[in-house]
PDB file of N, CA and C in Angstrom:
ATOM      1  N   UNK A   1      11.239  18.946 -39.638  1.00  0.00           N
ATOM      2  CA  UNK A   1      12.024  19.677 -38.514  1.00  0.00           C
ATOM      3  C   UNK A   1      11.026  19.940 -37.792  1.00  0.00           C
ATOM      4  N   UNK A   2       9.999  20.856 -38.250  1.00  0.00           N
ATOM      5  CA  UNK A   2       9.217  21.615 -37.361  1.00  0.00           C
ATOM      6  C   UNK A   2       8.358  20.668 -36.481  1.00  0.00           C
ATOM      7  N   UNK A   3       8.068  19.407 -37.004  1.00  0.00           N
ATOM      8  CA  UNK A   3       7.517  18.315 -36.309  1.00  0.00           C
ATOM      9  C   UNK A   3       7.972  18.206 -35.129  1.00  0.00           C
ATOM     10  N   UNK A   4       9.365  17.697 -35.550  1.00  0.00           N
ATOM     11  CA  UNK A   4      10.519  17.076 -34.448  1.00  0.00           C
ATOM     12  C   UNK A   4      10.554  18.113 -33.337  1.00  0.00           C
ATOM     13  N   UNK A   5      11.004  19.504 -33.682  1.00  0.00           N
ATOM     14  CA  UNK A   5      10.905  20.327 -32.768  1.00  0.00           C
ATOM     15  C   UNK A   5      10.064  20.593 -31.873  1.00  0.00           C
ATOM     16  N   UNK A   6       8.860  21.042 -32.485  1.00  0.00           N
ATOM     17  CA  UNK A   6       7.527  21.151 -31.753  1.00  0.00           C
ATOM     18  C   UNK A   6       7.416  19.999 -30.818  1.00  0.00           C
ATOM     19  N   UNK A   7       7.340  18.908 -31.382  1.00  0.00           N
ATOM     20  CA  UNK A   7       7.163  17.520 -30.794  1.00  0.00           C
ATOM     21  C   UNK A   7       8.102  17.180 -29.462  1.00  0.00           C
ATOM     22  N   UNK A   8       9.282  17.795 -29.597  1.00  0.00           N
ATOM     23  CA  UNK A   8      10.177  17.663 -28.385  1.00  0.00           C
ATOM     24  C   UNK A   8       9.576  18.740 -27.572  1.00  0.00           C
ATOM     25  N   UNK A   9       9.427  19.816 -27.866  1.00  0.00           N
ATOM     26  CA  UNK A   9       8.795  20.699 -26.748  1.00  0.00           C
ATOM     27  C   UNK A   9       7.507  20.502 -26.189  1.00  0.00           C
ATOM     28  N   UNK A  10       6.599  20.106 -26.890  1.00  0.00           N
ATOM     29  CA  UNK A  10       5.353  19.727 -26.259  1.00  0.00           C
ATOM     30  C   UNK A  10       5.596  18.396 -25.036  1.00  0.00           C
ATOM     31  N   UNK A  11       6.410  17.590 -25.785  1.00  0.00           N
ATOM     32  CA  UNK A  11       6.800  16.322 -25.073  1.00  0.00           C
ATOM     33  C   UNK A  11       7.356  16.828 -23.374  1.00  0.00           C
ATOM     34  N   UNK A  12       8.414  17.490 -23.672  1.00  0.00           N
ATOM     35  CA  UNK A  12       9.263  17.943 -22.330  1.00  0.00           C
ATOM     36  C   UNK A  12       8.692  18.911 -21.624  1.00  0.00           C
ATOM     37  N   UNK A  13       7.622  19.783 -22.002  1.00  0.00           N
ATOM     38  CA  UNK A  13       6.985  20.664 -21.349  1.00  0.00           C
ATOM     39  C   UNK A  13       6.454  20.303 -20.299  1.00  0.00           C
ATOM     40  N   UNK A  14       5.828  18.746 -20.480  1.00  0.00           N
ATOM     41  CA  UNK A  14       5.166  17.995 -19.305  1.00  0.00           C
ATOM     42  C   UNK A  14       6.228  17.467 -18.558  1.00  0.00           C
ATOM     43  N   UNK A  15       7.511  17.283 -18.845  1.00  0.00           N
ATOM     44  CA  UNK A  15       8.489  16.788 -18.031  1.00  0.00           C
ATOM     45  C   UNK A  15       9.486  17.575 -17.391  1.00  0.00           C
ATOM     46  N   UNK A  16      10.072  18.569 -18.097  1.00  0.00           N
ATOM     47  CA  UNK A  16      11.034  19.224 -17.848  1.00  0.00           C
ATOM     48  C   UNK A  16      10.521  20.745 -17.047  1.00  0.00           C
ATOM     49  N   UNK A  17      11.318  21.759 -16.370  1.00  0.00           N
ATOM     50  CA  UNK A  17      10.974  22.914 -16.275  1.00  0.00           C
ATOM     51  C   UNK A  17      10.962  23.666 -17.638  1.00  0.00           C
ATOM     52  N   UNK A  18      10.454  24.536 -17.645  1.00  0.00           N
ATOM     53  CA  UNK A  18       9.813  25.486 -19.124  1.00  0.00           C
ATOM     54  C   UNK A  18      11.260  25.813 -19.636  1.00  0.00           C
ATOM     55  N   UNK A  19      12.072  26.299 -19.074  1.00  0.00           N
ATOM     56  CA  UNK A  19      13.286  26.959 -19.644  1.00  0.00           C
ATOM     57  C   UNK A  19      14.147  25.669 -20.399  1.00  0.00           C
ATOM     58  N   UNK A  20      14.103  24.548 -19.518  1.00  0.00           N
ATOM     59  CA  UNK A  20      15.074  23.647 -20.140  1.00  0.00           C
ATOM     60  C   UNK A  20      14.262  22.909 -21.019  1.00  0.00           C
ATOM     61  N   UNK A  21      13.201  22.716 -21.256  1.00  0.00           N
ATOM     62  CA  UNK A  21      12.280  22.150 -22.370  1.00  0.00           C
ATOM     63  C   UNK A  21      12.612  22.896 -23.323  1.00  0.00           C
ATOM     64  N   UNK A  22      12.325  24.672 -23.458  1.00  0.00           N
ATOM     65  CA  UNK A  22      12.741  25.383 -24.370  1.00  0.00           C
ATOM     66  C   UNK A  22      14.230  25.330 -24.829  1.00  0.00           C
ATOM     67  N   UNK A  23      15.117  25.138 -24.125  1.00  0.00           N
ATOM     68  CA  UNK A  23      16.552  24.966 -24.494  1.00  0.00           C
ATOM     69  C   UNK A  23      16.699  23.566 -25.237  1.00  0.00           C
ATOM     70  N   UNK A  24      16.075  22.744 -24.945  1.00  0.00           N
ATOM     71  CA  UNK A  24      15.894  21.238 -25.468  1.00  0.00           C
ATOM     72  C   UNK A  24      15.487  21.508 -26.985  1.00  0.00           C
ATOM     73  N   UNK A  25      14.338  22.050 -27.193  1.00  0.00           N
ATOM     74  CA  UNK A  25      13.748  22.432 -28.500  1.00  0.00           C
ATOM     75  C   UNK A  25      14.691  23.002 -29.442  1.00  0.00           C
ATOM     76  N   UNK A  26      15.368  23.949 -28.557  1.00  0.00           N
ATOM     77  CA  UNK A  26      16.080  25.130 -29.720  1.00  0.00           C
ATOM     78  C   UNK A  26      17.338  24.019 -29.920  1.00  0.00           C
ATOM     79  N   UNK A  27      17.653  23.499 -29.242  1.00  0.00           N
ATOM     80  CA  UNK A  27      19.189  22.576 -29.409  1.00  0.00           C
ATOM     81  C   UNK A  27      18.826  21.250 -30.575  1.00  0.00           C
ATOM     82  N   UNK A  28      17.482  21.102 -30.490  1.00  0.00           N
ATOM     83  CA  UNK A  28      16.896  20.328 -31.521  1.00  0.00           C
ATOM     84  C   UNK A  28      16.925  20.721 -32.796  1.00  0.00           C
ATOM     85  N   UNK A  29      16.644  21.939 -32.721  1.00  0.00           N
ATOM     86  CA  UNK A  29      16.415  22.838 -34.271  1.00  0.00           C
ATOM     87  C   UNK A  29      17.791  22.788 -34.627  1.00  0.00           C
ATOM     88  N   UNK A  30      18.633  23.226 -34.163  1.00  0.00           N
ATOM     89  CA  UNK A  30      20.055  23.637 -34.392  1.00  0.00           C
ATOM     90  C   UNK A  30      20.605  22.098 -34.944  1.00  0.00           C
ATOM     91  N   UNK A  31      20.396  21.174 -34.157  1.00  0.00           N
ATOM     92  CA  UNK A  31      21.105  19.871 -34.673  1.00  0.00           C
ATOM     93  C   UNK A  31      20.443  19.572 -35.903  1.00  0.00           C
ATOM     94  N   UNK A  32      18.952  19.906 -35.962  1.00  0.00           N
ATOM     95  CA  UNK A  32      18.267  19.652 -37.273  1.00  0.00           C
ATOM     96  C   UNK A  32      19.237  20.368 -38.482  1.00  0.00           C
ATOM     97  N   UNK A  33      19.725  21.429 -38.085  1.00  0.00           N
ATOM     98  CA  UNK A  33      19.972  22.083 -39.298  1.00  0.00           C
ATOM     99  C   UNK A  33      21.434  21.709 -39.657  1.00  0.00           C
ATOM    100  N   UNK A  34      22.177  20.907 -38.627  1.00  0.00           N
ATOM    101  CA  UNK A  34      23.516  20.527 -39.004  1.00  0.00           C
ATOM    102  C   UNK A  34      23.299  19.293 -39.837  1.00  0.00           C
ATOM    103  N   UNK A  35      22.251  18.248 -39.428  1.00  0.00           N
ATOM    104  CA  UNK A  35      22.061  17.082 -40.245  1.00  0.00           C
ATOM    105  C   UNK A  35      21.542  17.305 -41.693  1.00  0.00           C
ATOM    106  N   UNK A  36      20.755  18.457 -41.772  1.00  0.00           N
ATOM    107  CA  UNK A  36      20.299  18.789 -43.025  1.00  0.00           C
ATOM    108  C   UNK A  36      21.149  19.261 -43.888  1.00  0.00           C
ATOM    109  N   UNK A  37      22.285  19.919 -43.323  1.00  0.00           N
ATOM    110  CA  UNK A  37      23.598  20.233 -44.422  1.00  0.00           C
ATOM    111  C   UNK A  37      24.265  19.366 -45.185  1.00  0.00           C
ATOM    112  N   UNK A  38      23.682  18.120 -44.501  1.00  0.00           N
ATOM    113  CA  UNK A  38      24.442  16.813 -45.576  1.00  0.00           C
ATOM    114  C   UNK A  38      23.485  16.606 -46.668  1.00  0.00           C
ATOM    115  N   UNK A  39      22.271  16.663 -46.200  1.00  0.00           N
ATOM    116  CA  UNK A  39      20.942  16.700 -47.333  1.00  0.00           C
ATOM    117  C   UNK A  39      21.351  17.397 -48.277  1.00  0.00           C
ATOM    118  N   UNK A  40      21.755  18.834 -48.194  1.00  0.00           N
ATOM    119  CA  UNK A  40      21.692  19.761 -49.141  1.00  0.00           C
ATOM    120  C   UNK A  40      22.904  19.690 -50.076  1.00  0.00           C
ATOM    121  N   UNK A  41      23.913  18.921 -49.956  1.00  0.00           N
ATOM    122  CA  UNK A  41      25.078  18.292 -50.901  1.00  0.00           C
ATOM    123  C   UNK A  41      24.210  17.878 -51.958  1.00  0.00           C
ATOM    124  N   UNK A  42      23.243  17.067 -52.003  1.00  0.00           N
ATOM    125  CA  UNK A  42      23.105  16.579 -53.196  1.00  0.00           C
ATOM    126  C   UNK A  42      21.592  16.154 -53.373  1.00  0.00           C
ATOM    127  N   UNK A  43      20.555  16.471 -54.322  1.00  0.00           N
ATOM    128  CA  UNK A  43      19.478  16.237 -54.576  1.00  0.00           C
ATOM    129  C   UNK A  43      18.975  14.740 -54.604  1.00  0.00           C
ATOM    130  N   UNK A  44      19.975  14.225 -55.172  1.00  0.00           N
ATOM    131  CA  UNK A  44      19.645  12.805 -55.271  1.00  0.00           C
ATOM    132  C   UNK A  44      20.368  11.711 -55.031  1.00  0.00           C
ATOM    133  N   UNK A  45      21.582  12.134 -54.911  1.00  0.00           N
ATOM    134  CA  UNK A  45      22.583  11.249 -54.156  1.00  0.00           C
ATOM    135  C   UNK A  45      22.878  10.939 -52.709  1.00  0.00           C
ATOM    136  N   UNK A  46      23.480  10.016 -52.501  1.00  0.00           N
ATOM    137  CA  UNK A  46      23.412   9.861 -50.945  1.00  0.00           C
ATOM    138  C   UNK A  46      24.372  10.482 -49.913  1.00  0.00           C
ATOM    139  N   UNK A  47      23.888  11.182 -49.191  1.00  0.00           N
ATOM    140  CA  UNK A  47      24.838  12.139 -48.302  1.00  0.00           C
ATOM    141  C   UNK A  47      25.777  11.360 -47.739  1.00  0.00           C
ATOM    142  N   UNK A  48      25.592  10.029 -47.539  1.00  0.00           N
ATOM    143  CA  UNK A  48      26.581   8.980 -46.849  1.00  0.00           C
ATOM    144  C   UNK A  48      27.555   8.177 -47.977  1.00  0.00           C
ATOM    145  N   UNK A  49      27.729   9.270 -48.720  1.00  0.00           N
ATOM    146  CA  UNK A  49      28.763   8.505 -49.980  1.00  0.00           C
ATOM    147  C   UNK A  49      29.963   8.647 -49.713  1.00  0.00           C
ATOM    148  N   UNK A  50      31.039   7.886 -50.645  1.00  0.00           N
ATOM    149  CA  UNK A  50      32.521   8.089 -50.303  1.00  0.00           C
ATOM    150  C   UNK A  50      32.855   9.657 -50.414  1.00  0.00           C
ATOM    151  N   UNK A  51      32.276  10.605 -50.543  1.00  0.00           N
ATOM    152  CA  UNK A  51      32.547  12.015 -50.602  1.00  0.00           C
ATOM    153  C   UNK A  51      32.168  12.769 -49.245  1.00  0.00           C
ATOM    154  N   UNK A  52      31.748  11.898 -48.475  1.00  0.00           N
ATOM    155  CA  UNK A  52      31.102  12.329 -47.014  1.00  0.00           C
ATOM    156  C   UNK A  52      32.100  13.369 -46.434  1.00  0.00           C
ATOM    157  N   UNK A  53      33.489  13.053 -46.682  1.00  0.00           N
ATOM    158  CA  UNK A  53      34.625  13.751 -45.805  1.00  0.00           C
ATOM    159  C   UNK A  53      35.319  14.826 -46.708  1.00  0.00           C
ATOM    160  N   UNK A  54      34.875  14.903 -47.611  1.00  0.00           N
ATOM    161  CA  UNK A  54      35.727  15.728 -48.891  1.00  0.00           C
ATOM    162  C   UNK A  54      35.817  16.948 -48.544  1.00  0.00           C
ATOM    163  N   UNK A  55      34.338  17.617 -47.726  1.00  0.00           N
ATOM    164  CA  UNK A  55      34.543  18.979 -47.812  1.00  0.00           C
ATOM    165  C   UNK A  55      34.856  19.497 -46.367  1.00  0.00           C
ATOM    166  N   UNK A  56      35.944  20.024 -46.219  1.00  0.00           N
ATOM    167  CA  UNK A  56      36.505  19.999 -44.917  1.00  0.00           C
ATOM    168  C   UNK A  56      36.111  21.557 -44.388  1.00  0.00           C
ATOM    169  N   UNK A  57      35.747  22.460 -45.457  1.00  0.00           N
ATOM    170  CA  UNK A  57      35.177  23.763 -44.911  1.00  0.00           C
ATOM    171  C   UNK A  57      33.957  23.427 -44.365  1.00  0.00           C
ATOM    172  N   UNK A  58      33.056  22.204 -44.980  1.00  0.00           N
ATOM    173  CA  UNK A  58      31.696  22.141 -44.484  1.00  0.00           C
ATOM    174  C   UNK A  58      31.736  21.805 -42.808  1.00  0.00           C
ATOM    175  N   UNK A  59      32.603  20.464 -42.807  1.00  0.00           N
ATOM    176  CA  UNK A  59      33.148  20.026 -41.487  1.00  0.00           C
ATOM    177  C   UNK A  59      33.644  21.051 -40.365  1.00  0.00           C
ATOM    178  N   UNK A  60      34.225  22.107 -41.018  1.00  0.00           N
ATOM    179  CA  UNK A  60      34.675  22.838 -40.030  1.00  0.00           C
ATOM    180  C   UNK A  60      33.746  24.029 -39.609  1.00  0.00           C
ATOM    181  N   UNK A  61      32.806  24.167 -40.519  1.00  0.00           N
ATOM    182  CA  UNK A  61      31.713  24.976 -40.151  1.00  0.00           C
ATOM    183  C   UNK A  61      30.710  24.089 -39.229  1.00  0.00           C
ATOM    184  N   UNK A  62      30.496  23.114 -39.439  1.00  0.00           N
ATOM    185  CA  UNK A  62      29.519  22.327 -38.671  1.00  0.00           C
ATOM    186  C   UNK A  62      29.832  22.252 -36.951  1.00  0.00           C
ATOM    187  N   UNK A  63      31.214  21.887 -37.057  1.00  0.00           N
ATOM    188  CA  UNK A  63      31.912  21.757 -35.889  1.00  0.00           C
ATOM    189  C   UNK A  63      32.005  23.268 -34.985  1.00  0.00           C
ATOM    190  N   UNK A  64      32.076  24.000 -35.521  1.00  0.00           N
ATOM    191  CA  UNK A  64      32.034  25.349 -35.254  1.00  0.00           C
ATOM    192  C   UNK A  64      30.608  25.749 -34.506  1.00  0.00           C
ATOM    193  N   UNK A  65      29.577  25.392 -35.759  1.00  0.00           N
ATOM    194  CA  UNK A  65      28.082  25.635 -34.965  1.00  0.00           C
ATOM    195  C   UNK A  65      27.881  24.751 -33.683  1.00  0.00           C
ATOM    196  N   UNK A  66      28.205  23.615 -33.715  1.00  0.00           N
ATOM    197  CA  UNK A  66      28.322  22.763 -32.676  1.00  0.00           C
ATOM    198  C   UNK A  66      28.762  22.769 -31.500  1.00  0.00           C
ATOM    199  N   UNK A  67      30.001  23.573 -31.503  1.00  0.00           N
ATOM    200  CA  UNK A  67      30.739  24.039 -30.474  1.00  0.00           C
ATOM    201  C   UNK A  67      30.015  25.597 -29.744  1.00  0.00           C
ATOM    202  N   UNK A  68      29.785  26.234 -30.781  1.00  0.00           N
ATOM    203  CA  UNK A  68      29.114  27.195 -30.223  1.00  0.00           C
ATOM    204  C   UNK A  68      27.668  26.956 -29.639  1.00  0.00           C
ATOM    205  N   UNK A  69      26.813  25.937 -29.983  1.00  0.00           N
ATOM    206  CA  UNK A  69      25.687  25.795 -29.186  1.00  0.00           C
ATOM    207  C   UNK A  69      25.564  24.779 -27.913  1.00  0.00           C
ATOM    208  N   UNK A  70      26.940  24.345 -28.096  1.00  0.00           N
ATOM    209  CA  UNK A  70      27.587  23.637 -26.424  1.00  0.00           C
ATOM    210  C   UNK A  70      27.751  24.843 -25.716  1.00  0.00           C
ATOM    211  N   UNK A  71      28.378  25.981 -25.950  1.00  0.00           N
ATOM    212  CA  UNK A  71      28.639  26.932 -25.372  1.00  0.00           C
ATOM    213  C   UNK A  71      27.192  27.508 -24.767  1.00  0.00           C
ATOM    214  N   UNK A  72      26.515  28.020 -25.717  1.00  0.00           N
ATOM    215  CA  UNK A  72      25.261  29.004 -25.758  1.00  0.00           C
ATOM    216  C   UNK A  72      24.164  27.758 -24.779  1.00  0.00           C
ATOM    217  N   UNK A  73      24.279  26.613 -24.703  1.00  0.00           N
ATOM    218  CA  UNK A  73      23.723  25.831 -23.755  1.00  0.00           C
ATOM    219  C   UNK A  73      24.295  25.655 -22.249  1.00  0.00           C
ATOM    220  N   UNK A  74      25.551  25.215 -22.344  1.00  0.00           N
ATOM    221  CA  UNK A  74      26.203  24.533 -21.198  1.00  0.00           C
ATOM    222  C   UNK A  74      27.234  25.683 -20.295  1.00  0.00           C
ATOM    223  N   UNK A  75      27.372  26.910 -20.914  1.00  0.00           N
ATOM    224  CA  UNK A  75      28.340  27.693 -20.292  1.00  0.00           C
ATOM    225  C   UNK A  75      27.502  28.681 -19.697  1.00  0.00           C
ATOM    226  N   UNK A  76      27.665  28.717 -18.246  1.00  0.00           N
ATOM    227  CA  UNK A  76      26.624  29.775 -17.687  1.00  0.00           C
ATOM    228  C   UNK A  76      26.681  31.473 -17.931  1.00  0.00           C
ATOM    229  N   UNK A  77      27.786  31.850 -18.437  1.00  0.00           N
ATOM    230  CA  UNK A  77      27.830  33.427 -18.777  1.00  0.00           C
ATOM    231  C   UNK A  77      26.806  33.568 -20.208  1.00  0.00           C
ATOM    232  N   UNK A  78      27.178  32.360 -21.283  1.00  0.00           N
ATOM    233  CA  UNK A  78      26.114  32.255 -22.263  1.00  0.00           C
ATOM    234  C   UNK A  78      24.509  31.701 -21.946  1.00  0.00           C
ATOM    235  N   UNK A  79      24.572  31.371 -20.784  1.00  0.00           N
ATOM    236  CA  UNK A  79      23.209  31.001 -20.652  1.00  0.00           C
ATOM    237  C   UNK A  79      22.404  32.407 -20.288  1.00  0.00           C
ATOM    238  N   UNK A  80      23.127  33.196 -19.544  1.00  0.00           N
ATOM    239  CA  UNK A  80      22.581  34.309 -19.140  1.00  0.00           C
ATOM    240  C   UNK A  80      22.236  35.119 -20.230  1.00  0.00           C
ATOM    241  N   UNK A  81      23.099  35.114 -21.220  1.00  0.00           N
ATOM    242  CA  UNK A  81      22.618  36.085 -22.493  1.00  0.00           C
ATOM    243  C   UNK A  81      21.750  35.321 -23.427  1.00  0.00           C
ATOM    244  N   UNK A  82      21.881  34.297 -23.646  1.00  0.00           N
ATOM    245  CA  UNK A  82      20.744  33.339 -24.471  1.00  0.00           C
ATOM    246  C   UNK A  82      19.442  32.906 -23.769  1.00  0.00           C
ATOM    247  N   UNK A  83      19.418  33.021 -22.541  1.00  0.00           N
ATOM    248  CA  UNK A  83      18.128  32.514 -21.802  1.00  0.00           C
ATOM    249  C   UNK A  83      18.303  31.211 -21.807  1.00  0.00           C
ATOM    250  N   UNK A  84      19.326  30.294 -22.224  1.00  0.00           N
ATOM    251  CA  UNK A  84      19.421  28.737 -21.986  1.00  0.00           C
ATOM    252  C   UNK A  84      19.609  28.170 -20.462  1.00  0.00           C
ATOM    253  N   UNK A  85      19.308  26.846 -20.155  1.00  0.00           N
ATOM    254  CA  UNK A  85      19.937  26.181 -19.306  1.00  0.00           C
ATOM    255  C   UNK A  85      20.777  24.885 -19.488  1.00  0.00           C
ATOM    256  N   UNK A  86      21.619  24.318 -19.036  1.00  0.00           N
ATOM    257  CA  UNK A  86      22.093  23.507 -19.336  1.00  0.00           C
ATOM    258  C   UNK A  86      21.483  21.940 -19.592  1.00  0.00           C
ATOM    259  N   UNK A  87      21.696  21.168 -20.257  1.00  0.00           N
ATOM    260  CA  UNK A  87      21.183  20.071 -20.881  1.00  0.00           C
ATOM    261  C   UNK A  87      22.065  18.758 -20.292  1.00  0.00           C
ATOM    262  N   UNK A  88      21.383  17.568 -19.769  1.00  0.00           N
ATOM    263  CA  UNK A  88      22.191  16.758 -19.503  1.00  0.00           C
ATOM    264  C   UNK A  88      22.372  15.789 -20.815  1.00  0.00           C
ATOM    265  N   UNK A  89      23.448  14.779 -20.708  1.00  0.00           N
ATOM    266  CA  UNK A  89      23.694  13.971 -21.919  1.00  0.00           C
ATOM    267  C   UNK A  89      22.658  13.400 -22.395  1.00  0.00           C
ATOM    268  N   UNK A  90      21.662  12.877 -21.774  1.00  0.00           N
ATOM    269  CA  UNK A  90      20.376  12.035 -22.375  1.00  0.00           C
ATOM    270  C   UNK A  90      19.458  13.082 -23.144  1.00  0.00           C
ATOM    271  N   UNK A  91      19.406  14.258 -22.605  1.00  0.00           N
ATOM    272  CA  UNK A  91      18.889  15.396 -23.217  1.00  0.00           C
ATOM    273  C   UNK A  91      19.580  15.661 -24.588  1.00  0.00           C
ATOM    274  N   UNK A  92      20.658  15.452 -24.674  1.00  0.00           N
ATOM    275  CA  UNK A  92      21.597  16.141 -26.022  1.00  0.00           C
ATOM    276  C   UNK A  92      21.503  14.621 -26.700  1.00  0.00           C
ATOM    277  N   UNK A  93      21.527  13.641 -26.201  1.00  0.00           N
ATOM    278  CA  UNK A  93      21.153  12.296 -27.145  1.00  0.00           C
ATOM    279  C   UNK A  93      19.743  12.342 -27.737  1.00  0.00           C
ATOM    280  N   UNK A  94      18.651  12.831 -26.986  1.00  0.00           N
ATOM    281  CA  UNK A  94      17.378  12.915 -27.645  1.00  0.00           C
ATOM    282  C   UNK A  94      17.344  14.099 -28.577  1.00  0.00           C
ATOM    283  N   UNK A  95      17.736  15.226 -28.478  1.00  0.00           N
ATOM    284  CA  UNK A  95      17.957  16.197 -29.608  1.00  0.00           C
ATOM    285  C   UNK A  95      18.437  15.549 -30.605  1.00  0.00           C
ATOM    286  N   UNK A  96      19.612  14.969 -30.679  1.00  0.00           N
ATOM    287  CA  UNK A  96      20.211  14.358 -31.779  1.00  0.00           C
ATOM    288  C   UNK A  96      19.822  13.328 -32.447  1.00  0.00           C
ATOM    289  N   UNK A  97      19.378  12.311 -31.582  1.00  0.00           N
ATOM    290  CA  UNK A  97      18.380  11.388 -32.393  1.00  0.00           C
ATOM    291  C   UNK A  97      17.346  11.748 -33.269  1.00  0.00           C
ATOM    292  N   UNK A  98      16.443  12.790 -32.517  1.00  0.00           N
ATOM    293  CA  UNK A  98      15.203  13.342 -33.163  1.00  0.00           C
ATOM    294  C   UNK A  98      15.716  14.158 -34.444  1.00  0.00           C
ATOM    295  N   UNK A  99      16.832  14.788 -34.095  1.00  0.00           N
ATOM    296  CA  UNK A  99      17.125  15.601 -35.404  1.00  0.00           C
ATOM    297  C   UNK A  99      18.034  14.837 -36.480  1.00  0.00           C
ATOM    298  N   UNK A 100      18.569  13.589 -36.220  1.00  0.00           N
ATOM    299  CA  UNK A 100      19.026  12.963 -37.108  1.00  0.00           C
ATOM    300  C   UNK A 100      18.032  12.328 -38.086  1.00  0.00           C
ATOM    301  N   UNK A 101      16.540  12.076 -37.755  1.00  0.00           N
ATOM    302  CA  UNK A 101      15.532  11.639 -38.556  1.00  0.00           C
ATOM    303  C   UNK A 101      15.293  12.481 -39.845  1.00  0.00           C
ATOM    304  N   UNK A 102      16.020  13.593 -39.916  1.00  0.00           N
ATOM    305  CA  UNK A 102      15.763  14.580 -41.196  1.00  0.00           C
ATOM    306  C   UNK A 102      17.087  13.850 -42.116  1.00  0.00           C
ATOM    307  N   UNK A 103      17.906  13.479 -41.479  1.00  0.00           N
ATOM    308  CA  UNK A 103      19.081  12.838 -42.623  1.00  0.00           C
ATOM    309  C   UNK A 103      18.394  11.476 -43.094  1.00  0.00           C
ATOM    310  N   UNK A 104      17.859  10.710 -42.281  1.00  0.00           N
ATOM    311  CA  UNK A 104      17.449   9.167 -42.312  1.00  0.00           C
ATOM    312  C   UNK A 104      16.223   9.270 -43.189  1.00  0.00           C
ATOM    313  N   UNK A 105      15.384  10.347 -43.147  1.00  0.00           N
ATOM    314  CA  UNK A 105      14.091  10.214 -43.863  1.00  0.00           C
ATOM    315  C   UNK A 105      14.425  10.657 -45.287  1.00  0.00           C
ATOM    316  N   UNK A 106      15.228  11.377 -45.354  1.00  0.00           N
ATOM    317  CA  UNK A 106      15.840  11.971 -46.642  1.00  0.00           C
ATOM    318  C   UNK A 106      16.693  10.864 -47.357  1.00  0.00           C
ATOM    319  N   UNK A 107      17.222  10.322 -46.905  1.00  0.00           N
ATOM    320  CA  UNK A 107      18.001   8.920 -47.505  1.00  0.00           C
ATOM    321  C   UNK A 107      17.180   8.174 -47.972  1.00  0.00           C
ATOM    322  N   UNK A 108      16.075   7.876 -47.269  1.00  0.00           N
ATOM    323  CA  UNK A 108      14.972   6.904 -47.700  1.00  0.00           C
ATOM    324  C   UNK A 108      14.254   7.562 -48.877  1.00  0.00           C
ATOM    325  N   UNK A 109      14.004   8.800 -48.809  1.00  0.00           N
ATOM    326  CA  UNK A 109      13.315   9.498 -50.210  1.00  0.00           C
ATOM    327  C   UNK A 109      14.382   9.185 -51.282  1.00  0.00           C
ATOM    328  N   UNK A 110      15.725   9.864 -50.956  1.00  0.00           N
ATOM    329  CA  UNK A 110      16.319   9.431 -52.198  1.00  0.00           C
ATOM    330  C   UNK A 110      16.512   7.917 -52.792  1.00  0.00           C
ATOM    331  N   UNK A 111      16.870   7.146 -51.812  1.00  0.00           N
ATOM    332  CA  UNK A 111      16.865   5.812 -52.320  1.00  0.00           C
ATOM    333  C   UNK A 111      15.714   5.653 -52.982  1.00  0.00           C
ATOM    334  N   UNK A 112      14.397   5.782 -52.605  1.00  0.00           N
ATOM    335  CA  UNK A 112      13.102   5.702 -53.687  1.00  0.00           C
ATOM    336  C   UNK A 112      13.372   6.050 -54.789  1.00  0.00           C
ATOM    337  N   UNK A 113      13.572   7.503 -54.734  1.00  0.00           N
ATOM    338  CA  UNK A 113      13.920   8.072 -56.125  1.00  0.00           C
ATOM    339  C   UNK A 113      14.716   7.408 -57.122  1.00  0.00           C
ATOM    340  N   UNK A 114      16.099   6.767 -56.430  1.00  0.00           N
ATOM    341  CA  UNK A 114      16.804   6.303 -57.268  1.00  0.00           C
ATOM    342  C   UNK A 114      16.355   5.094 -57.900  1.00  0.00           C
ATOM    343  N   UNK A 115      15.571   4.059 -57.116  1.00  0.00           N
ATOM    344  CA  UNK A 115      15.286   3.014 -57.318  1.00  0.00           C
ATOM    345  C   UNK A 115      13.771   3.106 -58.450  1.00  0.00           C
ATOM    346  N   UNK A 116      13.464   3.993 -58.612  1.00  0.00           N
ATOM    347  CA  UNK A 116      12.152   4.118 -59.707  1.00  0.00           C
ATOM    348  C   UNK A 116      12.434   5.010 -61.043  1.00  0.00           C
TER     349      UNK A 116
END
């Protein structure tokens, strides 16, 4: 998660204004935490099992965090409070793709553990 977050920051500092690059890194880190919540459900079993949708409270908490992140990044009064700037759809997609790597890599690790 550190490598992904700082990698996005380093890469985007050369492409975007500083505030927007920082906002993108912050969003990437928050999304890493959302994806990692699925990993925490089981140390050995797949997060993508038939039980994926059984914890309604988890889904509610994750949806709440996501909505709050969108507000912090996209809503001008919240931008003033948090020092964020708006992100475009492509930037949200980049943050989600990088953050999803924590789920993909952990699924690969679990699969390797189960097959050994």
